[in-house]
Amino acid sequence: MDGTGDRLFSDAELAHERTSPSAHGQTSPSAHAPLAVRMRPRTIDEFVGQQHLLAPGTPLRRLLDDPQATAPSLLLWGPPGSGKTTLAYLVSHASGRRFVELSAVAAGVKDVRDVIAAARRERAASGRGTVLFLDEVHRFSKAQQDSLLPAVENGIVTLIGATTENPSFSVIGPLLSRAVLLTLQPLSDDELRTVIRRAVVDPRGLAGRHTLTPAAEERLIRLAGGDARRALTYLEAAAQPDQPVIDVAEVEGAASRALPSYDRQGDQHYDVASALIKSVRGSDVDAALHYLARMLEAGEDPRFIARRLVILASEDIGLADPAALPTAVAAYHAVAFIGLPEAGLTLAHAVIALAVAPKSNAVTRALSAALDDVRAGLAGPVPLHVRDAHYPGAARLGHGVGYRYPHDDPAGIVAQQYAPDQLAGRVYYQPSRHGHEAKIADRLAAIRAALRGGGSISSGEAAGAPTTGHSGGGATAPTETAPTAHGMPSTARGEEDVCR
């Protein structure tokens, strides 16, 4: 979402407010300002929401209740319309400090230095501190954020930064360590209801000239999606001068449809994608479809969704359902040549299939364990008998000597060591008992026993192997110059030869 949309005030309105004190010691917005601007809370008692930040004893409450309290710098992280800008104003006015606002969208290092210089002069002349409110602080580059550090460190300015992006990724570490991070939440339905009802009757708002039907109120709350600014914007648009009663039709006309809170480049992109994957992993097909719909409605790239499903098919399902990966891959290809909106059906098909499939992370755990050993240095020499022996002179080096060709055995499995000596007997893949993997687990126990010479596997067990799309059967071990499928002797070092 565009970060500028989180500002209640235009630059002109802000300039007006700073120069027009009201009876409450704050500034009075123009009667022609948008409803969301006119209804900005003037005191903390009018503020709605974020009660977890305003409880007695919290840093924010101490700033508001005690003008003499040491004011730490704050980072306010939350979605649009959750009250970040309003809280910054309230803190400034409660403490009696000079308030300066900059938008990181337009400001640069020079603007920051000018504010800091003015703050030094103000401190020297009157002893009055300065609150610098930096909206969309995540849009500042590293160099721009660095320019704030000395003034914040020395208390020349109290920084209040507002951001809709996760500060852990968008704000430099030194600035994070010098500020208190406060996380704001979307407003609840009841909190939005309070904001809407106040705006209908308040003289600064609709002043009782309109009424809102209960159904229209509920529809407005749904459309707002936790954003107080959006609720008031839609309410103002729905309030037609010649229609004192606002019903559902007027509300829906003001906002043709709900816009999901979703930023393809920000936290919502990753949060909703994470929720989709976790819902599929957790087999909650209905939650998974909800998150899929949110992503599609917000314009997410369907290829991104399909890629995540392909990864999930191996990571969280694996061989518990061998059809999961082909389904996900097919969905990816279908999305590529169908496109939206029809590809939404393909993605829903894949999401449902993967959500209801039996789950296993045995493939994930197997690869992780093998990688851990390799990274720990457990990667001994490849045994001589399984080394590449196709080229002249390989036999003189002992390569391939003693190799037993599995297809010569009726069961297709012979007692033979394949792993390096220091990893002989190491077990990585441990199948679950979920879905098809239960059959694999039974067969694998017999295979491992046969490989280690502690048992044998019957041809019947071999025939019962799970279908994986590869053919297997008895064959004679090829010689170095055995004809290929095209009837020509193989002389190049290709993949077929190396595998033999």
Protein backbone atom coordinates (compact mmCIF):
# COMPACT_ATOMS: atom_id res chain seq x y z
CA MET A 1 0.00 0.00 0.00
CA ASP A 2 1.24 3.49 -0.73
CA GLY A 3 2.80 4.84 2.41
CA THR A 4 1.49 8.35 1.76
CA GLY A 5 -2.00 6.99 2.31
CA ASP A 6 -1.26 6.69 6.03
CA ARG A 7 -1.10 10.48 6.49
CA LEU A 8 -4.26 12.15 7.69
CA PHE A 9 -3.00 15.62 6.80
CA SER A 10 -1.86 17.23 3.59
CA ASP A 11 1.12 19.55 3.80
CA ALA A 12 -1.13 22.60 3.57
CA GLU A 13 -3.39 21.34 6.34
CA LEU A 14 -0.42 20.59 8.57
CA ALA A 15 0.93 24.08 8.06
CA HIS A 16 -2.48 25.51 8.93
CA GLU A 17 -2.80 23.37 12.04
CA ARG A 18 0.54 24.41 13.43
CA THR A 19 -0.45 28.05 13.30
CA SER A 20 -4.06 27.85 14.48
CA PRO A 21 -4.25 26.89 18.17
CA SER A 22 -7.56 25.59 19.43
CA ALA A 23 -9.08 25.77 22.87
CA HIS A 24 -7.56 22.38 23.56
CA GLY A 25 -4.05 23.61 22.96
CA GLN A 26 -3.85 21.83 19.64
CA THR A 27 -4.62 22.96 16.16
CA SER A 28 -8.01 23.22 14.51
CA PRO A 29 -8.46 21.69 11.05
CA SER A 30 -10.35 23.53 8.38
CA ALA A 31 -14.08 22.91 8.07
CA HIS A 32 -13.35 21.89 4.49
CA ALA A 33 -10.80 19.27 5.53
CA PRO A 34 -11.68 15.60 4.98
CA LEU A 35 -13.81 13.96 7.64
CA ALA A 36 -10.88 11.83 8.81
CA VAL A 37 -8.87 15.00 9.43
CA ARG A 38 -11.68 16.83 11.24
CA MET A 39 -12.29 13.84 13.51
CA ARG A 40 -8.68 13.45 14.60
CA PRO A 41 -8.67 12.91 18.40
CA ARG A 42 -7.73 16.07 20.30
CA THR A 43 -6.97 14.34 23.59
CA ILE A 44 -5.97 10.87 24.66
CA ASP A 45 -9.49 10.38 26.01
CA GLU A 46 -10.83 10.65 22.45
CA PHE A 47 -8.29 8.20 21.09
CA VAL A 48 -9.74 4.81 20.11
CA GLY A 49 -7.75 1.59 19.98
CA GLN A 50 -4.22 0.48 20.91
CA GLN A 51 -5.12 -0.02 24.56
CA HIS A 52 -2.15 -2.37 24.94
CA LEU A 53 0.09 0.66 24.40
CA LEU A 54 -1.86 3.02 26.64
CA ALA A 55 -2.12 0.95 29.81
CA PRO A 56 -0.75 2.61 32.99
CA GLY A 57 3.00 2.28 33.28
CA THR A 58 3.68 1.76 29.58
CA PRO A 59 6.30 4.06 27.97
CA LEU A 60 3.66 5.80 25.86
CA ARG A 61 1.35 6.39 28.80
CA ARG A 62 4.18 7.85 30.90
CA LEU A 63 4.93 10.32 28.11
CA LEU A 64 1.29 11.36 27.93
CA ASP A 65 0.71 11.65 31.68
CA ASP A 66 3.95 13.31 32.76
CA PRO A 67 5.11 16.32 30.68
CA GLN A 68 8.41 16.29 32.58
CA ALA A 69 9.14 12.64 31.89
CA THR A 70 12.19 11.82 29.83
CA ALA A 71 10.90 11.20 26.35
CA PRO A 72 12.51 8.23 24.60
CA SER A 73 12.45 8.10 20.84
CA LEU A 74 9.67 5.90 19.51
CA LEU A 75 9.09 3.79 16.43
CA LEU A 76 5.39 3.26 15.75
CA TRP A 77 4.85 0.24 13.53
CA GLY A 78 1.36 -0.55 12.36
CA PRO A 79 -1.08 -0.70 9.45
CA PRO A 80 -2.63 2.42 7.88
CA GLY A 81 -5.37 4.07 9.88
CA SER A 82 -4.28 2.60 13.22
CA GLY A 83 -3.40 5.96 14.86
CA LYS A 84 0.36 6.40 14.40
CA THR A 85 0.23 10.06 13.39
CA THR A 86 -2.36 10.91 16.02
CA LEU A 87 -0.30 9.35 18.79
CA ALA A 88 2.70 11.38 17.69
CA TYR A 89 0.68 14.61 17.93
CA LEU A 90 -0.72 13.68 21.32
CA VAL A 91 2.72 12.91 22.72
CA SER A 92 4.06 16.21 21.45
CA HIS A 93 1.22 18.31 22.83
CA ALA A 94 1.10 16.49 26.16
CA SER A 95 4.80 17.12 26.73
CA GLY A 96 4.75 20.73 25.57
CA ARG A 97 7.56 20.07 23.14
CA ARG A 98 7.92 21.74 19.79
CA PHE A 99 6.52 19.50 17.07
CA VAL A 100 8.02 19.15 13.61
CA GLU A 101 6.82 16.73 10.97
CA LEU A 102 8.76 15.42 8.01
CA SER A 103 7.68 12.86 5.44
CA ALA A 104 10.43 10.48 4.40
CA VAL A 105 8.77 10.38 0.98
CA ALA A 106 9.87 13.96 0.25
CA ALA A 107 12.46 14.93 2.87
CA GLY A 108 16.20 14.46 2.57
CA VAL A 109 19.32 14.76 4.70
CA LYS A 110 19.30 18.56 4.35
CA ASP A 111 15.78 18.75 5.80
CA VAL A 112 16.85 16.58 8.74
CA ARG A 113 19.89 18.77 9.41
CA ASP A 114 17.75 21.90 9.28
CA VAL A 115 15.35 20.44 11.87
CA ILE A 116 18.25 19.42 14.11
CA ALA A 117 19.83 22.89 13.84
CA ALA A 118 16.51 24.53 14.73
CA ALA A 119 16.11 22.12 17.66
CA ARG A 120 19.53 23.17 18.99
CA ARG A 121 18.55 26.84 18.79
CA GLU A 122 15.19 26.17 20.48
CA ARG A 123 16.90 24.24 23.29
CA ALA A 124 19.46 27.01 23.80
CA ALA A 125 16.90 29.83 23.72
CA SER A 126 14.04 28.37 25.78
CA GLY A 127 15.10 24.96 27.02
CA ARG A 128 12.18 23.49 25.07
CA GLY A 129 12.66 20.11 23.46
CA THR A 130 11.68 19.15 19.92
CA VAL A 131 9.71 16.15 18.73
CA LEU A 132 10.56 15.16 15.17
CA PHE A 133 7.78 13.08 13.67
CA LEU A 134 9.13 11.23 10.64
CA ASP A 135 6.35 9.62 8.66
CA GLU A 136 7.19 6.55 6.55
CA VAL A 137 10.63 6.33 8.15
CA HIS A 138 11.30 3.07 6.30
CA ARG A 139 11.57 5.08 3.08
CA PHE A 140 14.71 6.78 4.33
CA SER A 141 17.92 5.29 2.97
CA LYS A 142 20.65 4.05 5.30
CA ALA A 143 22.58 7.31 4.85
CA GLN A 144 19.49 9.36 5.64
CA GLN A 145 18.77 7.30 8.74
CA ASP A 146 22.42 7.62 9.80
CA SER A 147 22.02 11.41 9.77
CA LEU A 148 19.51 11.11 12.63
CA LEU A 149 21.74 9.14 14.97
CA PRO A 150 23.79 11.89 16.70
CA ALA A 151 20.74 14.07 17.45
CA VAL A 152 18.73 11.11 18.73
CA GLU A 153 21.67 9.82 20.77
CA ASN A 154 22.24 13.21 22.44
CA GLY A 155 18.55 13.98 22.99
CA ILE A 156 18.58 17.04 20.74
CA VAL A 157 15.40 15.69 19.17
CA THR A 158 12.94 13.08 20.29
CA LEU A 159 12.27 11.00 17.21
CA ILE A 160 8.88 9.48 16.61
CA GLY A 161 9.07 7.41 13.46
CA ALA A 162 5.98 5.90 11.84
CA THR A 163 6.13 2.97 9.49
CA THR A 164 3.89 0.38 7.92
CA GLU A 165 6.88 -1.88 7.25
CA ASN A 166 8.65 -4.21 9.67
CA PRO A 167 11.39 -2.05 11.27
CA SER A 168 13.61 -5.10 11.67
CA PHE A 169 14.08 -5.04 7.90
CA SER A 170 13.62 -1.37 7.07
CA VAL A 171 15.25 0.57 9.92
CA ILE A 172 18.99 0.42 10.60
CA GLY A 173 20.11 -1.39 13.75
CA PRO A 174 21.70 1.64 15.50
CA LEU A 175 18.47 3.60 15.17
CA LEU A 176 16.39 0.64 16.34
CA SER A 177 18.55 0.32 19.45
CA ARG A 178 17.98 3.99 20.34
CA ALA A 179 14.19 3.84 20.14
CA VAL A 180 11.31 2.03 21.79
CA LEU A 181 9.41 -0.05 19.24
CA LEU A 182 5.63 0.07 19.65
CA THR A 183 3.47 -2.20 17.52
CA LEU A 184 -0.01 -0.95 16.64
CA GLN A 185 -2.85 -3.25 15.64
CA PRO A 186 -5.78 -2.76 13.23
CA LEU A 187 -8.85 -1.47 15.02
CA SER A 188 -11.36 -4.06 16.14
CA ASP A 189 -14.96 -4.02 14.92
CA ASP A 190 -16.15 -2.44 18.17
CA GLU A 191 -13.45 0.22 17.99
CA LEU A 192 -14.38 1.05 14.41
CA ARG A 193 -18.02 1.21 15.47
CA THR A 194 -17.09 3.79 18.11
CA VAL A 195 -15.19 5.89 15.56
CA ILE A 196 -18.05 5.76 13.05
CA ARG A 197 -20.81 6.59 15.53
CA ARG A 198 -18.83 9.50 16.95
CA ALA A 199 -18.29 10.91 13.47
CA VAL A 200 -22.03 10.73 12.70
CA VAL A 201 -23.05 12.90 15.68
CA ASP A 202 -19.98 15.04 16.42
CA PRO A 203 -20.21 18.71 15.31
CA ARG A 204 -16.82 18.29 13.65
CA GLY A 205 -18.22 15.37 11.65
CA LEU A 206 -21.67 14.87 10.14
CA ALA A 207 -23.24 16.74 13.10
CA GLY A 208 -26.30 14.49 13.20
CA ARG A 209 -27.45 15.48 9.73
CA HIS A 210 -27.32 11.82 8.66
CA THR A 211 -28.14 8.51 10.24
CA LEU A 212 -26.60 5.16 9.45
CA THR A 213 -28.71 2.01 9.28
CA PRO A 214 -27.39 -0.94 11.32
CA ALA A 215 -26.79 -2.94 8.14
CA ALA A 216 -24.89 -0.05 6.57
CA GLU A 217 -22.80 0.33 9.71
CA GLU A 218 -21.83 -3.33 9.63
CA ARG A 219 -21.02 -3.13 5.93
CA LEU A 220 -18.85 -0.07 6.54
CA ILE A 221 -16.94 -1.91 9.26
CA ARG A 222 -16.33 -4.83 6.93
CA LEU A 223 -15.11 -2.55 4.16
CA ALA A 224 -12.80 -0.61 6.47
CA GLY A 225 -10.81 -3.71 7.39
CA GLY A 226 -9.50 -2.27 10.69
CA ASP A 227 -8.55 1.10 9.14
CA ALA A 228 -10.22 4.07 10.88
CA ARG A 229 -9.25 6.47 8.11
CA ARG A 230 -10.81 4.26 5.47
CA ALA A 231 -14.01 3.95 7.51
CA LEU A 232 -14.35 7.73 7.78
CA THR A 233 -13.48 8.27 4.13
CA TYR A 234 -16.18 5.84 3.01
CA LEU A 235 -18.65 7.32 5.49
CA GLU A 236 -18.08 10.83 4.14
CA ALA A 237 -18.44 9.65 0.55
CA ALA A 238 -21.70 7.85 1.40
CA ALA A 239 -23.24 10.91 3.13
CA GLN A 240 -25.15 12.57 0.29
CA PRO A 241 -26.71 15.97 1.14
CA ASP A 242 -30.16 14.98 -0.14
CA GLN A 243 -30.23 11.57 1.58
CA PRO A 244 -30.27 11.82 5.40
CA VAL A 245 -30.39 8.05 5.83
CA ILE A 246 -27.27 6.17 4.76
CA ASP A 247 -28.05 2.58 3.83
CA VAL A 248 -26.01 -0.32 2.49
CA ALA A 249 -26.37 0.83 -1.13
CA GLU A 250 -24.79 4.21 -0.36
CA VAL A 251 -21.93 2.58 1.55
CA GLU A 252 -21.26 0.10 -1.24
CA GLY A 253 -21.46 2.88 -3.79
CA ALA A 254 -18.83 4.84 -1.84
CA ALA A 255 -16.53 1.83 -1.85
CA SER A 256 -17.30 -0.49 -4.72
CA ARG A 257 -15.57 -3.32 -2.93
CA ALA A 258 -13.32 -3.96 0.05
CA LEU A 259 -9.65 -3.46 -0.68
CA PRO A 260 -7.64 -6.09 1.16
CA SER A 261 -4.89 -4.76 3.39
CA TYR A 262 -2.06 -6.15 1.31
CA ASP A 263 1.21 -4.76 0.00
CA ARG A 264 2.99 -6.93 -2.55
CA GLN A 265 6.33 -5.45 -1.49
CA GLY A 266 5.78 -5.28 2.25
CA ASP A 267 4.91 -7.25 5.36
CA GLN A 268 1.42 -8.21 4.22
CA HIS A 269 2.91 -9.95 1.20
CA TYR A 270 4.97 -12.22 3.43
CA ASP A 271 2.46 -12.50 6.28
CA VAL A 272 -0.45 -13.61 4.09
CA ALA A 273 1.79 -15.92 2.05
CA SER A 274 3.07 -17.44 5.29
CA ALA A 275 -0.49 -17.90 6.54
CA LEU A 276 -1.46 -19.63 3.28
CA ILE A 277 1.41 -22.10 3.51
CA LYS A 278 0.86 -22.78 7.21
CA SER A 279 -2.85 -23.34 6.62
CA VAL A 280 -2.13 -25.89 3.88
CA ARG A 281 0.52 -27.54 6.06
CA GLY A 282 -1.99 -27.66 8.91
CA SER A 283 -4.65 -29.20 6.60
CA ASP A 284 -7.10 -26.30 7.16
CA VAL A 285 -8.44 -26.15 3.62
CA ASP A 286 -10.92 -23.36 4.37
CA ALA A 287 -8.34 -21.02 5.91
CA ALA A 288 -6.00 -21.79 3.00
CA LEU A 289 -8.68 -20.81 0.48
CA HIS A 290 -9.32 -17.58 2.39
CA TYR A 291 -5.67 -16.54 2.18
CA LEU A 292 -5.50 -17.57 -1.47
CA ALA A 293 -8.51 -15.37 -2.20
CA ARG A 294 -6.91 -12.44 -0.38
CA MET A 295 -3.74 -12.77 -2.41
CA LEU A 296 -5.58 -13.07 -5.70
CA GLU A 297 -7.90 -10.16 -4.95
CA ALA A 298 -4.94 -7.96 -4.02
CA GLY A 299 -3.23 -8.67 -7.34
CA GLU A 300 -0.51 -11.02 -6.14
CA ASP A 301 1.55 -12.65 -8.89
CA PRO A 302 -0.06 -16.10 -9.33
CA ARG A 303 3.34 -17.54 -10.26
CA PHE A 304 4.62 -16.62 -6.80
CA ILE A 305 1.74 -18.52 -5.22
CA ALA A 306 2.31 -21.52 -7.48
CA ARG A 307 6.04 -21.60 -6.68
CA ARG A 308 5.29 -21.66 -2.97
CA LEU A 309 2.91 -24.58 -3.48
CA VAL A 310 5.55 -26.53 -5.41
CA ILE A 311 7.98 -26.05 -2.53
CA LEU A 312 5.35 -27.07 0.02
CA ALA A 313 4.54 -30.26 -1.89
CA SER A 314 8.03 -31.61 -1.18
CA GLU A 315 8.63 -29.88 2.14
CA ASP A 316 5.41 -30.78 3.94
CA ILE A 317 3.87 -33.69 2.02
CA GLY A 318 6.65 -35.50 0.22
CA LEU A 319 6.03 -39.19 -0.36
CA ALA A 320 3.04 -39.32 1.96
CA ASP A 321 1.17 -38.44 -1.24
CA PRO A 322 3.35 -38.94 -4.34
CA ALA A 323 0.75 -37.08 -6.42
CA ALA A 324 1.24 -33.84 -4.47
CA LEU A 325 4.35 -32.65 -6.30
CA PRO A 326 3.02 -33.44 -9.81
CA THR A 327 -0.19 -31.62 -8.88
CA ALA A 328 1.70 -28.53 -7.73
CA VAL A 329 4.03 -28.54 -10.74
CA ALA A 330 1.08 -28.95 -13.09
CA ALA A 331 -0.61 -26.01 -11.39
CA TYR A 332 2.51 -23.89 -11.90
CA HIS A 333 2.63 -24.69 -15.61
CA ALA A 334 -1.11 -24.17 -15.99
CA VAL A 335 -0.91 -20.76 -14.33
CA ALA A 336 1.86 -19.78 -16.76
CA PHE A 337 -0.15 -20.45 -19.91
CA ILE A 338 -3.69 -19.71 -18.67
CA GLY A 339 -3.23 -16.54 -16.65
CA LEU A 340 -5.72 -14.85 -14.36
CA PRO A 341 -8.57 -14.88 -13.63
CA GLU A 342 -9.06 -18.49 -14.77
CA ALA A 343 -5.77 -19.59 -13.22
CA GLY A 344 -7.35 -18.86 -9.85
CA LEU A 345 -9.31 -22.09 -10.28
CA THR A 346 -6.11 -24.00 -10.91
CA LEU A 347 -4.50 -22.55 -7.80
CA ALA A 348 -7.59 -23.35 -5.73
CA HIS A 349 -7.50 -26.92 -7.12
CA ALA A 350 -3.88 -27.27 -6.02
CA VAL A 351 -4.44 -25.64 -2.62
CA ILE A 352 -7.33 -27.99 -1.84
CA ALA A 353 -5.43 -31.08 -3.02
CA LEU A 354 -2.37 -30.22 -0.94
CA ALA A 355 -4.37 -29.19 2.12
CA VAL A 356 -6.28 -32.49 2.30
CA ALA A 357 -3.26 -34.66 1.44
CA PRO A 358 -1.54 -36.66 4.20
CA LYS A 359 1.44 -34.74 5.54
CA SER A 360 5.06 -35.70 6.11
CA ASN A 361 8.24 -33.66 6.48
CA ALA A 362 10.45 -36.75 6.21
CA VAL A 363 11.98 -35.49 2.94
CA THR A 364 12.81 -32.16 4.58
CA ARG A 365 14.36 -33.81 7.62
CA ALA A 366 16.32 -36.25 5.47
CA LEU A 367 17.94 -33.53 3.37
CA SER A 368 18.61 -31.39 6.42
CA ALA A 369 20.38 -34.25 8.21
CA ALA A 370 22.47 -35.08 5.13
CA LEU A 371 23.46 -31.43 4.67
CA ASP A 372 24.40 -31.16 8.34
CA ASP A 373 26.83 -34.07 7.95
CA VAL A 374 28.37 -32.68 4.77
CA ARG A 375 28.82 -29.25 6.35
CA ALA A 376 30.39 -30.91 9.39
CA GLY A 377 33.03 -32.46 7.15
CA LEU A 378 31.58 -35.96 6.99
CA ALA A 379 32.24 -36.44 3.28
CA GLY A 380 34.79 -39.22 2.86
CA PRO A 381 36.13 -40.64 -0.39
CA VAL A 382 33.66 -42.27 -2.73
CA PRO A 383 34.12 -46.08 -2.48
CA LEU A 384 36.18 -47.37 -5.41
CA HIS A 385 33.60 -49.81 -6.65
CA VAL A 386 30.96 -47.12 -7.22
CA ARG A 387 33.28 -44.62 -8.89
CA ASP A 388 32.98 -43.79 -12.60
CA ALA A 389 34.54 -46.68 -14.52
CA HIS A 390 33.55 -45.97 -18.10
CA TYR A 391 36.83 -44.52 -19.37
CA PRO A 392 39.99 -46.39 -20.39
CA GLY A 393 42.33 -46.95 -17.49
CA ALA A 394 39.67 -46.70 -14.81
CA ALA A 395 40.02 -50.38 -13.97
CA ARG A 396 43.77 -49.93 -13.33
CA LEU A 397 42.81 -47.39 -10.65
CA GLY A 398 40.38 -49.85 -9.11
CA HIS A 399 37.34 -47.85 -10.17
CA GLY A 400 34.29 -50.01 -10.60
CA VAL A 401 36.10 -53.17 -9.49
CA GLY A 402 33.77 -55.29 -7.44
CA TYR A 403 30.65 -53.33 -8.32
CA ARG A 404 27.54 -55.51 -8.28
CA TYR A 405 24.88 -54.57 -10.82
CA PRO A 406 21.53 -54.59 -8.93
CA HIS A 407 19.49 -55.61 -11.97
CA ASP A 408 21.31 -58.93 -12.05
CA ASP A 409 19.52 -59.82 -8.82
CA PRO A 410 15.90 -61.02 -9.14
CA ALA A 411 14.84 -58.51 -6.46
CA GLY A 412 16.91 -55.68 -7.96
CA ILE A 413 18.80 -55.12 -4.69
CA VAL A 414 22.17 -56.53 -3.64
CA ALA A 415 24.24 -56.29 -0.49
CA GLN A 416 26.65 -53.48 -1.25
CA GLN A 417 28.04 -50.32 0.37
CA TYR A 418 27.35 -47.12 -1.52
CA ALA A 419 28.14 -44.45 1.08
CA PRO A 420 31.67 -43.40 2.12
CA ASP A 421 33.15 -45.53 4.89
CA GLN A 422 32.62 -42.96 7.63
CA LEU A 423 28.92 -42.72 6.73
CA ALA A 424 28.24 -46.43 6.29
CA GLY A 425 25.01 -47.30 8.03
CA ARG A 426 23.98 -43.67 8.39
CA VAL A 427 20.18 -43.22 8.19
CA TYR A 428 18.75 -39.97 6.84
CA TYR A 429 15.34 -40.76 5.42
CA GLN A 430 12.92 -41.92 8.10
CA PRO A 431 9.46 -42.17 6.55
CA SER A 432 6.38 -41.40 8.55
CA ARG A 433 3.39 -43.70 8.84
CA HIS A 434 1.19 -41.17 7.04
CA GLY A 435 -0.48 -41.97 3.74
CA HIS A 436 1.64 -43.71 1.13
CA GLU A 437 4.76 -43.34 3.26
CA ALA A 438 3.54 -46.14 5.51
CA LYS A 439 4.01 -48.57 2.59
CA ILE A 440 7.40 -47.03 1.85
CA ALA A 441 8.46 -47.48 5.48
CA ASP A 442 7.70 -51.20 5.37
CA ARG A 443 9.57 -51.74 2.11
CA LEU A 444 12.49 -49.54 3.18
CA ALA A 445 13.16 -51.64 6.26
CA ALA A 446 13.57 -54.71 4.04
CA ILE A 447 15.72 -52.79 1.55
CA ARG A 448 18.12 -51.56 4.21
CA ALA A 449 18.46 -55.03 5.66
CA ALA A 450 19.25 -56.44 2.20
CA LEU A 451 21.79 -53.70 1.46
CA ARG A 452 23.67 -54.50 4.64
CA GLY A 453 23.61 -58.22 4.10
CA GLY A 454 21.35 -58.84 7.05
CA GLY A 455 18.40 -60.08 5.07
CA SER A 456 16.95 -60.42 1.63
CA ILE A 457 14.08 -58.89 -0.26
CA SER A 458 11.82 -61.09 -2.31
CA SER A 459 10.90 -60.41 -5.91
CA GLY A 460 7.33 -60.01 -4.68
CA GLU A 461 8.41 -57.21 -2.37
CA ALA A 462 10.32 -55.68 -5.23
CA ALA A 463 7.20 -55.76 -7.38
CA GLY A 464 5.31 -53.97 -4.61
CA ALA A 465 7.58 -50.94 -4.78
CA PRO A 466 5.76 -47.62 -4.94
CA THR A 467 5.21 -46.19 -8.39
CA THR A 468 7.35 -43.12 -8.93
CA GLY A 469 7.12 -42.73 -12.69
CA HIS A 470 10.41 -44.56 -13.37
CA SER A 471 10.56 -48.01 -14.86
CA GLY A 472 12.67 -50.69 -13.23
CA GLY A 473 13.24 -54.29 -13.97
CA GLY A 474 15.81 -56.98 -14.46
CA ALA A 475 18.58 -56.23 -16.95
CA THR A 476 22.07 -57.31 -17.73
CA ALA A 477 24.87 -55.05 -16.64
CA PRO A 478 26.12 -53.19 -19.70
CA THR A 479 29.71 -53.40 -20.79
CA GLU A 480 31.72 -50.28 -21.47
CA THR A 481 30.78 -50.43 -25.17
CA ALA A 482 27.23 -51.75 -24.83
CA PRO A 483 24.85 -50.41 -27.49
CA THR A 484 22.69 -47.51 -26.44
CA ALA A 485 18.97 -47.20 -27.04
CA HIS A 486 19.82 -45.88 -30.51
CA GLY A 487 21.98 -48.88 -31.35
CA MET A 488 25.25 -46.93 -31.32
CA PRO A 489 28.12 -47.63 -28.92
CA SER A 490 28.49 -45.07 -26.18
CA THR A 491 31.85 -43.31 -26.14
CA ALA A 492 30.96 -39.95 -24.58
CA ARG A 493 30.89 -39.47 -20.85
CA GLY A 494 27.17 -38.87 -20.53
CA GLU A 495 24.80 -39.14 -17.58
CA GLU A 496 23.70 -42.66 -18.59
CA ASP A 497 27.27 -43.95 -18.60
CA VAL A 498 28.24 -42.34 -15.32
CA CYS A 499 25.19 -43.82 -13.60
CA ARG A 500 26.08 -47.30 -14.86
